[in-house]
Amino acid sequence: MTTYDHSILFAKTSSIKIWKQLAGYNDQILDAVFVGAGESHLVVATNSIQLRIYHCESFSCCLVQGHTALVLALARHPTHPSIFASRLGSTVISFKCFLDEMCYTL
């Protein structure tokens, strides 16, 4: 399947469950931070309201919803799998990423 932003989704035909996603349109990268054991994933803020979390080995991507405006800055907690994303207007959202599966907002 493809999406409006040129992402490609791979789904199992029996369950229609997405098992891999390749992100399409990445015009401007505003911030990026490595997360996970051995920095196995890269979280990227682009000129979008979605965060992109890439698995560094497979280049599979997870798009994370949460903000209603462009994400400008990212940070990670040094010992917990938490990602902090801020946007214009001093709004910060905390995300927790289950790196073996899809990503969820806290």
PDB file of N, CA and C in Angstrom:
ATOM      1  N   MET A   1       0.843  -1.168   0.000  1.00  0.00           N
ATOM      2  CA  MET A   1       0.000   0.000   0.000  1.00  0.00           C
ATOM      3  C   MET A   1       0.892   1.236   0.000  1.00  0.00           C
ATOM      4  N   THR A   2       0.396   2.327  -0.537  1.00  0.00           N
ATOM      5  CA  THR A   2       1.108   3.598  -0.461  1.00  0.00           C
ATOM      6  C   THR A   2       0.196   4.642   0.173  1.00  0.00           C
ATOM      7  N   THR A   3       0.820   5.710   0.697  1.00  0.00           N
ATOM      8  CA  THR A   3       0.065   6.773   1.358  1.00  0.00           C
ATOM      9  C   THR A   3       0.266   8.092   0.630  1.00  0.00           C
ATOM     10  N   TYR A   4      -0.454   9.108   1.052  1.00  0.00           N
ATOM     11  CA  TYR A   4      -0.379  10.422   0.417  1.00  0.00           C
ATOM     12  C   TYR A   4       1.003  11.053   0.524  1.00  0.00           C
ATOM     13  N   ASP A   5       1.792  10.675   1.543  1.00  0.00           N
ATOM     14  CA  ASP A   5       3.130  11.257   1.706  1.00  0.00           C
ATOM     15  C   ASP A   5       4.214  10.336   1.150  1.00  0.00           C
ATOM     16  N   HIS A   6       3.823   9.450   0.246  1.00  0.00           N
ATOM     17  CA  HIS A   6       4.741   8.564  -0.474  1.00  0.00           C
ATOM     18  C   HIS A   6       5.388   7.509   0.412  1.00  0.00           C
ATOM     19  N   SER A   7       4.769   7.163   1.516  1.00  0.00           N
ATOM     20  CA  SER A   7       5.250   6.057   2.334  1.00  0.00           C
ATOM     21  C   SER A   7       4.741   4.751   1.729  1.00  0.00           C
ATOM     22  N   ILE A   8       5.512   3.688   1.932  1.00  0.00           N
ATOM     23  CA  ILE A   8       5.114   2.363   1.465  1.00  0.00           C
ATOM     24  C   ILE A   8       4.865   1.493   2.686  1.00  0.00           C
ATOM     25  N   LEU A   9       3.687   0.883   2.751  1.00  0.00           N
ATOM     26  CA  LEU A   9       3.310   0.028   3.873  1.00  0.00           C
ATOM     27  C   LEU A   9       3.277  -1.423   3.412  1.00  0.00           C
ATOM     28  N   PHE A  10       3.904  -2.289   4.187  1.00  0.00           N
ATOM     29  CA  PHE A  10       3.861  -3.723   3.923  1.00  0.00           C
ATOM     30  C   PHE A  10       2.924  -4.340   4.955  1.00  0.00           C
ATOM     31  N   ALA A  11       1.924  -5.071   4.488  1.00  0.00           N
ATOM     32  CA  ALA A  11       0.941  -5.661   5.397  1.00  0.00           C
ATOM     33  C   ALA A  11       0.769  -7.143   5.093  1.00  0.00           C
ATOM     34  N   LYS A  12       0.473  -7.900   6.132  1.00  0.00           N
ATOM     35  CA  LYS A  12       0.160  -9.323   5.959  1.00  0.00           C
ATOM     36  C   LYS A  12      -1.240  -9.424   5.359  1.00  0.00           C
ATOM     37  N   THR A  13      -1.377 -10.195   4.317  1.00  0.00           N
ATOM     38  CA  THR A  13      -2.669 -10.271   3.631  1.00  0.00           C
ATOM     39  C   THR A  13      -3.748 -10.937   4.473  1.00  0.00           C
ATOM     40  N   SER A  14      -3.362 -11.843   5.355  1.00  0.00           N
ATOM     41  CA  SER A  14      -4.368 -12.540   6.161  1.00  0.00           C
ATOM     42  C   SER A  14      -4.982 -11.658   7.247  1.00  0.00           C
ATOM     43  N   SER A  15      -4.186 -10.723   7.787  1.00  0.00           N
ATOM     44  CA  SER A  15      -4.683  -9.907   8.904  1.00  0.00           C
ATOM     45  C   SER A  15      -4.694  -8.412   8.609  1.00  0.00           C
ATOM     46  N   ILE A  16      -4.106  -7.997   7.521  1.00  0.00           N
ATOM     47  CA  ILE A  16      -3.924  -6.601   7.147  1.00  0.00           C
ATOM     48  C   ILE A  16      -3.141  -5.845   8.226  1.00  0.00           C
ATOM     49  N   LYS A  17      -2.328  -6.542   8.962  1.00  0.00           N
ATOM     50  CA  LYS A  17      -1.483  -5.911   9.973  1.00  0.00           C
ATOM     51  C   LYS A  17      -0.189  -5.433   9.307  1.00  0.00           C
ATOM     52  N   ILE A  18       0.134  -4.156   9.524  1.00  0.00           N
ATOM     53  CA  ILE A  18       1.356  -3.589   8.943  1.00  0.00           C
ATOM     54  C   ILE A  18       2.560  -4.158   9.677  1.00  0.00           C
ATOM     55  N   TRP A  19       3.517  -4.698   8.926  1.00  0.00           N
ATOM     56  CA  TRP A  19       4.715  -5.263   9.546  1.00  0.00           C
ATOM     57  C   TRP A  19       5.973  -4.489   9.175  1.00  0.00           C
ATOM     58  N   LYS A  20       5.880  -3.599   8.192  1.00  0.00           N
ATOM     59  CA  LYS A  20       7.030  -2.781   7.818  1.00  0.00           C
ATOM     60  C   LYS A  20       6.523  -1.543   7.103  1.00  0.00           C
ATOM     61  N   GLN A  21       7.240  -0.435   7.296  1.00  0.00           N
ATOM     62  CA  GLN A  21       6.875   0.805   6.624  1.00  0.00           C
ATOM     63  C   GLN A  21       8.141   1.506   6.185  1.00  0.00           C
ATOM     64  N   LEU A  22       8.154   1.964   4.952  1.00  0.00           N
ATOM     65  CA  LEU A  22       9.251   2.774   4.439  1.00  0.00           C
ATOM     66  C   LEU A  22       8.722   4.188   4.274  1.00  0.00           C
ATOM     67  N   ALA A  23       9.357   5.138   4.946  1.00  0.00           N
ATOM     68  CA  ALA A  23       8.873   6.520   4.924  1.00  0.00           C
ATOM     69  C   ALA A  23       9.241   7.183   3.611  1.00  0.00           C
ATOM     70  N   GLY A  24       8.323   7.966   3.119  1.00  0.00           N
ATOM     71  CA  GLY A  24       8.539   8.650   1.861  1.00  0.00           C
ATOM     72  C   GLY A  24       9.120  10.034   2.043  1.00  0.00           C
ATOM     73  N   TYR A  25       8.306  11.028   1.912  1.00  0.00           N
ATOM     74  CA  TYR A  25       8.698  12.422   1.825  1.00  0.00           C
ATOM     75  C   TYR A  25       9.353  12.928   3.111  1.00  0.00           C
ATOM     76  N   ASN A  26      10.644  13.253   3.028  1.00  0.00           N
ATOM     77  CA  ASN A  26      11.399  13.854   4.137  1.00  0.00           C
ATOM     78  C   ASN A  26      12.052  15.125   3.610  1.00  0.00           C
ATOM     79  N   ASP A  27      11.322  16.203   3.581  1.00  0.00           N
ATOM     80  CA  ASP A  27      11.839  17.432   2.989  1.00  0.00           C
ATOM     81  C   ASP A  27      12.943  18.051   3.831  1.00  0.00           C
ATOM     82  N   GLN A  28      12.667  18.373   5.076  1.00  0.00           N
ATOM     83  CA  GLN A  28      13.649  19.008   5.962  1.00  0.00           C
ATOM     84  C   GLN A  28      13.728  18.233   7.264  1.00  0.00           C
ATOM     85  N   ILE A  29      14.950  17.925   7.680  1.00  0.00           N
ATOM     86  CA  ILE A  29      15.151  17.275   8.970  1.00  0.00           C
ATOM     87  C   ILE A  29      15.500  18.354   9.978  1.00  0.00           C
ATOM     88  N   LEU A  30      14.671  18.495  11.024  1.00  0.00           N
ATOM     89  CA  LEU A  30      14.853  19.546  12.020  1.00  0.00           C
ATOM     90  C   LEU A  30      15.652  19.077  13.222  1.00  0.00           C
ATOM     91  N   ASP A  31      15.531  17.793  13.585  1.00  0.00           N
ATOM     92  CA  ASP A  31      16.285  17.248  14.713  1.00  0.00           C
ATOM     93  C   ASP A  31      16.254  15.732  14.609  1.00  0.00           C
ATOM     94  N   ALA A  32      17.227  15.082  15.233  1.00  0.00           N
ATOM     95  CA  ALA A  32      17.286  13.621  15.241  1.00  0.00           C
ATOM     96  C   ALA A  32      17.997  13.165  16.506  1.00  0.00           C
ATOM     97  N   VAL A  33      17.599  11.990  17.005  1.00  0.00           N
ATOM     98  CA  VAL A  33      18.212  11.434  18.209  1.00  0.00           C
ATOM     99  C   VAL A  33      18.154   9.905  18.111  1.00  0.00           C
ATOM    100  N   PHE A  34      19.248   9.247  18.524  1.00  0.00           N
ATOM    101  CA  PHE A  34      19.287   7.787  18.559  1.00  0.00           C
ATOM    102  C   PHE A  34      18.680   7.281  19.861  1.00  0.00           C
ATOM    103  N   VAL A  35      17.948   6.174  19.799  1.00  0.00           N
ATOM    104  CA  VAL A  35      17.349   5.540  20.978  1.00  0.00           C
ATOM    105  C   VAL A  35      17.510   4.029  20.861  1.00  0.00           C
ATOM    106  N   GLY A  36      17.214   3.346  21.950  1.00  0.00           N
ATOM    107  CA  GLY A  36      17.226   1.894  21.957  1.00  0.00           C
ATOM    108  C   GLY A  36      18.562   1.314  22.363  1.00  0.00           C
ATOM    109  N   ALA A  37      18.553   0.015  22.591  1.00  0.00           N
ATOM    110  CA  ALA A  37      19.775  -0.692  22.964  1.00  0.00           C
ATOM    111  C   ALA A  37      20.777  -0.598  21.820  1.00  0.00           C
ATOM    112  N   GLY A  38      21.950  -0.099  22.122  1.00  0.00           N
ATOM    113  CA  GLY A  38      22.964   0.067  21.090  1.00  0.00           C
ATOM    114  C   GLY A  38      22.594   1.097  20.047  1.00  0.00           C
ATOM    115  N   GLU A  39      21.722   2.029  20.423  1.00  0.00           N
ATOM    116  CA  GLU A  39      21.236   3.065  19.504  1.00  0.00           C
ATOM    117  C   GLU A  39      20.719   2.438  18.210  1.00  0.00           C
ATOM    118  N   SER A  40      19.817   1.480  18.376  1.00  0.00           N
ATOM    119  CA  SER A  40      19.300   0.699  17.252  1.00  0.00           C
ATOM    120  C   SER A  40      18.260   1.433  16.407  1.00  0.00           C
ATOM    121  N   HIS A  41      17.721   2.530  16.930  1.00  0.00           N
ATOM    122  CA  HIS A  41      16.681   3.273  16.227  1.00  0.00           C
ATOM    123  C   HIS A  41      17.038   4.758  16.179  1.00  0.00           C
ATOM    124  N   LEU A  42      16.574   5.417  15.136  1.00  0.00           N
ATOM    125  CA  LEU A  42      16.787   6.854  14.971  1.00  0.00           C
ATOM    126  C   LEU A  42      15.429   7.539  14.915  1.00  0.00           C
ATOM    127  N   VAL A  43      15.210   8.495  15.815  1.00  0.00           N
ATOM    128  CA  VAL A  43      13.978   9.284  15.828  1.00  0.00           C
ATOM    129  C   VAL A  43      14.269  10.583  15.084  1.00  0.00           C
ATOM    130  N   VAL A  44      13.421  10.918  14.121  1.00  0.00           N
ATOM    131  CA  VAL A  44      13.660  12.079  13.267  1.00  0.00           C
ATOM    132  C   VAL A  44      12.439  12.995  13.290  1.00  0.00           C
ATOM    133  N   ALA A  45      12.692  14.290  13.474  1.00  0.00           N
ATOM    134  CA  ALA A  45      11.655  15.316  13.344  1.00  0.00           C
ATOM    135  C   ALA A  45      11.868  15.992  11.993  1.00  0.00           C
ATOM    136  N   THR A  46      10.861  15.932  11.151  1.00  0.00           N
ATOM    137  CA  THR A  46      10.936  16.571   9.836  1.00  0.00           C
ATOM    138  C   THR A  46       9.927  17.711   9.810  1.00  0.00           C
ATOM    139  N   ASN A  47       9.737  18.305   8.657  1.00  0.00           N
ATOM    140  CA  ASN A  47       8.736  19.364   8.557  1.00  0.00           C
ATOM    141  C   ASN A  47       7.344  18.737   8.456  1.00  0.00           C
ATOM    142  N   SER A  48       7.001  18.022   9.520  1.00  0.00           N
ATOM    143  CA  SER A  48       5.738  17.304   9.617  1.00  0.00           C
ATOM    144  C   SER A  48       5.304  17.307  11.080  1.00  0.00           C
ATOM    145  N   ILE A  49       4.059  17.002  11.333  1.00  0.00           N
ATOM    146  CA  ILE A  49       3.599  16.874  12.714  1.00  0.00           C
ATOM    147  C   ILE A  49       3.874  15.478  13.256  1.00  0.00           C
ATOM    148  N   GLN A  50       4.341  14.581  12.411  1.00  0.00           N
ATOM    149  CA  GLN A  50       4.628  13.210  12.827  1.00  0.00           C
ATOM    150  C   GLN A  50       6.115  13.026  13.091  1.00  0.00           C
ATOM    151  N   LEU A  51       6.432  12.204  14.096  1.00  0.00           N
ATOM    152  CA  LEU A  51       7.806  11.765  14.300  1.00  0.00           C
ATOM    153  C   LEU A  51       8.017  10.510  13.475  1.00  0.00           C
ATOM    154  N   ARG A  52       9.241  10.319  13.020  1.00  0.00           N
ATOM    155  CA  ARG A  52       9.591   9.108  12.282  1.00  0.00           C
ATOM    156  C   ARG A  52      10.635   8.361  13.091  1.00  0.00           C
ATOM    157  N   ILE A  53      10.374   7.094  13.352  1.00  0.00           N
ATOM    158  CA  ILE A  53      11.331   6.273  14.088  1.00  0.00           C
ATOM    159  C   ILE A  53      11.807   5.178  13.146  1.00  0.00           C
ATOM    160  N   TYR A  54      13.087   5.247  12.795  1.00  0.00           N
ATOM    161  CA  TYR A  54      13.691   4.304  11.859  1.00  0.00           C
ATOM    162  C   TYR A  54      14.448   3.218  12.608  1.00  0.00           C
ATOM    163  N   HIS A  55      14.293   1.982  12.172  1.00  0.00           N
ATOM    164  CA  HIS A  55      15.128   0.889  12.648  1.00  0.00           C
ATOM    165  C   HIS A  55      16.390   0.941  11.789  1.00  0.00           C
ATOM    166  N   CYS A  56      17.547   1.115  12.408  1.00  0.00           N
ATOM    167  CA  CYS A  56      18.784   1.380  11.672  1.00  0.00           C
ATOM    168  C   CYS A  56      19.226   0.222  10.777  1.00  0.00           C
ATOM    169  N   GLU A  57      18.903  -1.012  11.123  1.00  0.00           N
ATOM    170  CA  GLU A  57      19.325  -2.145  10.292  1.00  0.00           C
ATOM    171  C   GLU A  57      18.410  -2.367   9.096  1.00  0.00           C
ATOM    172  N   SER A  58      17.112  -2.298   9.304  1.00  0.00           N
ATOM    173  CA  SER A  58      16.168  -2.619   8.225  1.00  0.00           C
ATOM    174  C   SER A  58      15.644  -1.384   7.494  1.00  0.00           C
ATOM    175  N   PHE A  59      15.850  -0.195   8.041  1.00  0.00           N
ATOM    176  CA  PHE A  59      15.322   1.069   7.517  1.00  0.00           C
ATOM    177  C   PHE A  59      13.798   1.117   7.545  1.00  0.00           C
ATOM    178  N   SER A  60      13.188   0.197   8.265  1.00  0.00           N
ATOM    179  CA  SER A  60      11.747   0.247   8.467  1.00  0.00           C
ATOM    180  C   SER A  60      11.432   1.470   9.326  1.00  0.00           C
ATOM    181  N   CYS A  61      10.245   2.017   9.153  1.00  0.00           N
ATOM    182  CA  CYS A  61       9.909   3.271   9.817  1.00  0.00           C
ATOM    183  C   CYS A  61       8.549   3.179  10.491  1.00  0.00           C
ATOM    184  N   CYS A  62       8.430   3.863  11.607  1.00  0.00           N
ATOM    185  CA  CYS A  62       7.173   3.984  12.330  1.00  0.00           C
ATOM    186  C   CYS A  62       6.841   5.473  12.391  1.00  0.00           C
ATOM    187  N   LEU A  63       5.650   5.852  11.949  1.00  0.00           N
ATOM    188  CA  LEU A  63       5.217   7.245  12.036  1.00  0.00           C
ATOM    189  C   LEU A  63       4.398   7.411  13.300  1.00  0.00           C
ATOM    190  N   VAL A  64       4.757   8.398  14.115  1.00  0.00           N
ATOM    191  CA  VAL A  64       4.112   8.597  15.408  1.00  0.00           C
ATOM    192  C   VAL A  64       3.340   9.909  15.399  1.00  0.00           C
ATOM    193  N   GLN A  65       2.054   9.831  15.701  1.00  0.00           N
ATOM    194  CA  GLN A  65       1.188  11.002  15.809  1.00  0.00           C
ATOM    195  C   GLN A  65       1.274  11.559  17.224  1.00  0.00           C
ATOM    196  N   GLY A  66       0.875  12.792  17.402  1.00  0.00           N
ATOM    197  CA  GLY A  66       0.812  13.348  18.745  1.00  0.00           C
ATOM    198  C   GLY A  66       0.740  14.863  18.749  1.00  0.00           C
ATOM    199  N   HIS A  67       1.578  15.509  17.963  1.00  0.00           N
ATOM    200  CA  HIS A  67       1.580  16.969  17.923  1.00  0.00           C
ATOM    201  C   HIS A  67       0.593  17.476  16.877  1.00  0.00           C
ATOM    202  N   THR A  68       0.200  18.730  17.041  1.00  0.00           N
ATOM    203  CA  THR A  68      -0.684  19.370  16.071  1.00  0.00           C
ATOM    204  C   THR A  68       0.040  20.437  15.272  1.00  0.00           C
ATOM    205  N   ALA A  69       1.348  20.574  15.501  1.00  0.00           N
ATOM    206  CA  ALA A  69       2.181  21.519  14.755  1.00  0.00           C
ATOM    207  C   ALA A  69       3.552  20.879  14.565  1.00  0.00           C
ATOM    208  N   LEU A  70       4.400  21.529  13.790  1.00  0.00           N
ATOM    209  CA  LEU A  70       5.731  20.991  13.503  1.00  0.00           C
ATOM    210  C   LEU A  70       6.513  20.701  14.770  1.00  0.00           C
ATOM    211  N   VAL A  71       7.153  19.548  14.802  1.00  0.00           N
ATOM    212  CA  VAL A  71       8.046  19.198  15.905  1.00  0.00           C
ATOM    213  C   VAL A  71       9.386  19.867  15.627  1.00  0.00           C
ATOM    214  N   LEU A  72       9.867  20.661  16.584  1.00  0.00           N
ATOM    215  CA  LEU A  72      11.090  21.434  16.378  1.00  0.00           C
ATOM    216  C   LEU A  72      12.312  20.842  17.057  1.00  0.00           C
ATOM    217  N   ALA A  73      12.126  20.133  18.167  1.00  0.00           N
ATOM    218  CA  ALA A  73      13.275  19.616  18.915  1.00  0.00           C
ATOM    219  C   ALA A  73      12.936  18.276  19.548  1.00  0.00           C
ATOM    220  N   LEU A  74      13.964  17.436  19.672  1.00  0.00           N
ATOM    221  CA  LEU A  74      13.822  16.116  20.277  1.00  0.00           C
ATOM    222  C   LEU A  74      14.845  15.935  21.382  1.00  0.00           C
ATOM    223  N   ALA A  75      14.495  15.119  22.354  1.00  0.00           N
ATOM    224  CA  ALA A  75      15.434  14.735  23.416  1.00  0.00           C
ATOM    225  C   ALA A  75      15.052  13.332  23.850  1.00  0.00           C
ATOM    226  N   ARG A  76      15.987  12.644  24.479  1.00  0.00           N
ATOM    227  CA  ARG A  76      15.688  11.310  24.985  1.00  0.00           C
ATOM    228  C   ARG A  76      16.124  11.201  26.425  1.00  0.00           C
ATOM    229  N   HIS A  77      15.460  10.333  27.151  1.00  0.00           N
ATOM    230  CA  HIS A  77      15.840  10.069  28.533  1.00  0.00           C
ATOM    231  C   HIS A  77      17.026   9.114  28.502  1.00  0.00           C
ATOM    232  N   PRO A  78      18.045   9.326  29.353  1.00  0.00           N
ATOM    233  CA  PRO A  78      19.244   8.487  29.278  1.00  0.00           C
ATOM    234  C   PRO A  78      19.046   7.035  29.701  1.00  0.00           C
ATOM    235  N   THR A  79      18.049   6.742  30.540  1.00  0.00           N
ATOM    236  CA  THR A  79      17.892   5.364  31.020  1.00  0.00           C
ATOM    237  C   THR A  79      16.530   4.746  30.724  1.00  0.00           C
ATOM    238  N   HIS A  80      15.563   5.520  30.295  1.00  0.00           N
ATOM    239  CA  HIS A  80      14.227   5.008  29.985  1.00  0.00           C
ATOM    240  C   HIS A  80      13.974   5.155  28.488  1.00  0.00           C
ATOM    241  N   PRO A  81      13.107   4.316  27.917  1.00  0.00           N
ATOM    242  CA  PRO A  81      12.821   4.430  26.481  1.00  0.00           C
ATOM    243  C   PRO A  81      11.831   5.555  26.179  1.00  0.00           C
ATOM    244  N   SER A  82      12.110   6.736  26.707  1.00  0.00           N
ATOM    245  CA  SER A  82      11.225   7.886  26.504  1.00  0.00           C
ATOM    246  C   SER A  82      11.856   8.872  25.534  1.00  0.00           C
ATOM    247  N   ILE A  83      11.011   9.446  24.701  1.00  0.00           N
ATOM    248  CA  ILE A  83      11.414  10.472  23.749  1.00  0.00           C
ATOM    249  C   ILE A  83      10.565  11.699  24.051  1.00  0.00           C
ATOM    250  N   PHE A  84      11.181  12.859  24.056  1.00  0.00           N
ATOM    251  CA  PHE A  84      10.467  14.102  24.314  1.00  0.00           C
ATOM    252  C   PHE A  84      10.526  14.952  23.050  1.00  0.00           C
ATOM    253  N   ALA A  85       9.368  15.425  22.625  1.00  0.00           N
ATOM    254  CA  ALA A  85       9.276  16.218  21.408  1.00  0.00           C
ATOM    255  C   ALA A  85       8.602  17.541  21.731  1.00  0.00           C
ATOM    256  N   SER A  86       9.203  18.627  21.266  1.00  0.00           N
ATOM    257  CA  SER A  86       8.613  19.943  21.529  1.00  0.00           C
ATOM    258  C   SER A  86       8.278  20.630  20.214  1.00  0.00           C
ATOM    259  N   ARG A  87       7.296  21.513  20.316  1.00  0.00           N
ATOM    260  CA  ARG A  87       6.886  22.289  19.150  1.00  0.00           C
ATOM    261  C   ARG A  87       6.812  23.756  19.536  1.00  0.00           C
ATOM    262  N   LEU A  88       6.591  24.597  18.572  1.00  0.00           N
ATOM    263  CA  LEU A  88       6.430  26.021  18.808  1.00  0.00           C
ATOM    264  C   LEU A  88       5.283  26.236  19.782  1.00  0.00           C
ATOM    265  N   GLY A  89       5.482  27.104  20.758  1.00  0.00           N
ATOM    266  CA  GLY A  89       4.455  27.361  21.751  1.00  0.00           C
ATOM    267  C   GLY A  89       4.718  26.648  23.054  1.00  0.00           C
ATOM    268  N   SER A  90       5.908  26.115  23.219  1.00  0.00           N
ATOM    269  CA  SER A  90       6.347  25.482  24.473  1.00  0.00           C
ATOM    270  C   SER A  90       5.547  24.243  24.854  1.00  0.00           C
ATOM    271  N   THR A  91       5.050  23.508  23.889  1.00  0.00           N
ATOM    272  CA  THR A  91       4.360  22.260  24.168  1.00  0.00           C
ATOM    273  C   THR A  91       5.340  21.106  24.026  1.00  0.00           C
ATOM    274  N   VAL A  92       5.397  20.245  25.040  1.00  0.00           N
ATOM    275  CA  VAL A  92       6.268  19.071  25.008  1.00  0.00           C
ATOM    276  C   VAL A  92       5.402  17.835  25.210  1.00  0.00           C
ATOM    277  N   ILE A  93       5.625  16.821  24.381  1.00  0.00           N
ATOM    278  CA  ILE A  93       4.931  15.549  24.519  1.00  0.00           C
ATOM    279  C   ILE A  93       5.969  14.469  24.769  1.00  0.00           C
ATOM    280  N   SER A  94       5.649  13.573  25.695  1.00  0.00           N
ATOM    281  CA  SER A  94       6.518  12.444  26.002  1.00  0.00           C
ATOM    282  C   SER A  94       5.982  11.208  25.291  1.00  0.00           C
ATOM    283  N   PHE A  95       6.863  10.506  24.605  1.00  0.00           N
ATOM    284  CA  PHE A  95       6.509   9.274  23.911  1.00  0.00           C
ATOM    285  C   PHE A  95       7.313   8.134  24.515  1.00  0.00           C
ATOM    286  N   LYS A  96       6.719   6.975  24.556  1.00  0.00           N
ATOM    287  CA  LYS A  96       7.453   5.779  24.946  1.00  0.00           C
ATOM    288  C   LYS A  96       7.424   4.836  23.758  1.00  0.00           C
ATOM    289  N   CYS A  97       8.568   4.368  23.356  1.00  0.00           N
ATOM    290  CA  CYS A  97       8.656   3.538  22.169  1.00  0.00           C
ATOM    291  C   CYS A  97       8.946   2.096  22.551  1.00  0.00           C
ATOM    292  N   PHE A  98       8.071   1.206  22.134  1.00  0.00           N
ATOM    293  CA  PHE A  98       8.292  -0.222  22.288  1.00  0.00           C
ATOM    294  C   PHE A  98       8.984  -0.664  21.005  1.00  0.00           C
ATOM    295  N   LEU A  99      10.304  -0.744  21.051  1.00  0.00           N
ATOM    296  CA  LEU A  99      11.094  -0.863  19.840  1.00  0.00           C
ATOM    297  C   LEU A  99      10.905  -2.169  19.087  1.00  0.00           C
ATOM    298  N   ASP A 100      10.363  -3.194  19.713  1.00  0.00           N
ATOM    299  CA  ASP A 100      10.114  -4.443  19.007  1.00  0.00           C
ATOM    300  C   ASP A 100       8.813  -4.403  18.213  1.00  0.00           C
ATOM    301  N   GLU A 101       7.965  -3.425  18.527  1.00  0.00           N
ATOM    302  CA  GLU A 101       6.666  -3.348  17.878  1.00  0.00           C
ATOM    303  C   GLU A 101       6.472  -1.940  17.335  1.00  0.00           C
ATOM    304  N   MET A 102       5.232  -1.491  17.289  1.00  0.00           N
ATOM    305  CA  MET A 102       4.951  -0.132  16.843  1.00  0.00           C
ATOM    306  C   MET A 102       5.162   0.829  18.003  1.00  0.00           C
ATOM    307  N   CYS A 103       5.042   2.112  17.748  1.00  0.00           N
ATOM    308  CA  CYS A 103       5.319   3.139  18.750  1.00  0.00           C
ATOM    309  C   CYS A 103       4.008   3.694  19.282  1.00  0.00           C
ATOM    310  N   TYR A 104       4.004   4.017  20.543  1.00  0.00           N
ATOM    311  CA  TYR A 104       2.785   4.501  21.184  1.00  0.00           C
ATOM    312  C   TYR A 104       3.082   5.768  21.963  1.00  0.00           C
ATOM    313  N   THR A 105       2.117   6.629  22.044  1.00  0.00           N
ATOM    314  CA  THR A 105       2.258   7.840  22.835  1.00  0.00           C
ATOM    315  C   THR A 105       1.864   7.553  24.277  1.00  0.00           C
ATOM    316  N   LEU A 106       2.513   8.222  25.218  1.00  0.00           N
ATOM    317  CA  LEU A 106       2.168   8.075  26.636  1.00  0.00           C
ATOM    318  C   LEU A 106       1.063   9.033  27.006  1.00  0.00           C
TER     319      LEU A 106
END
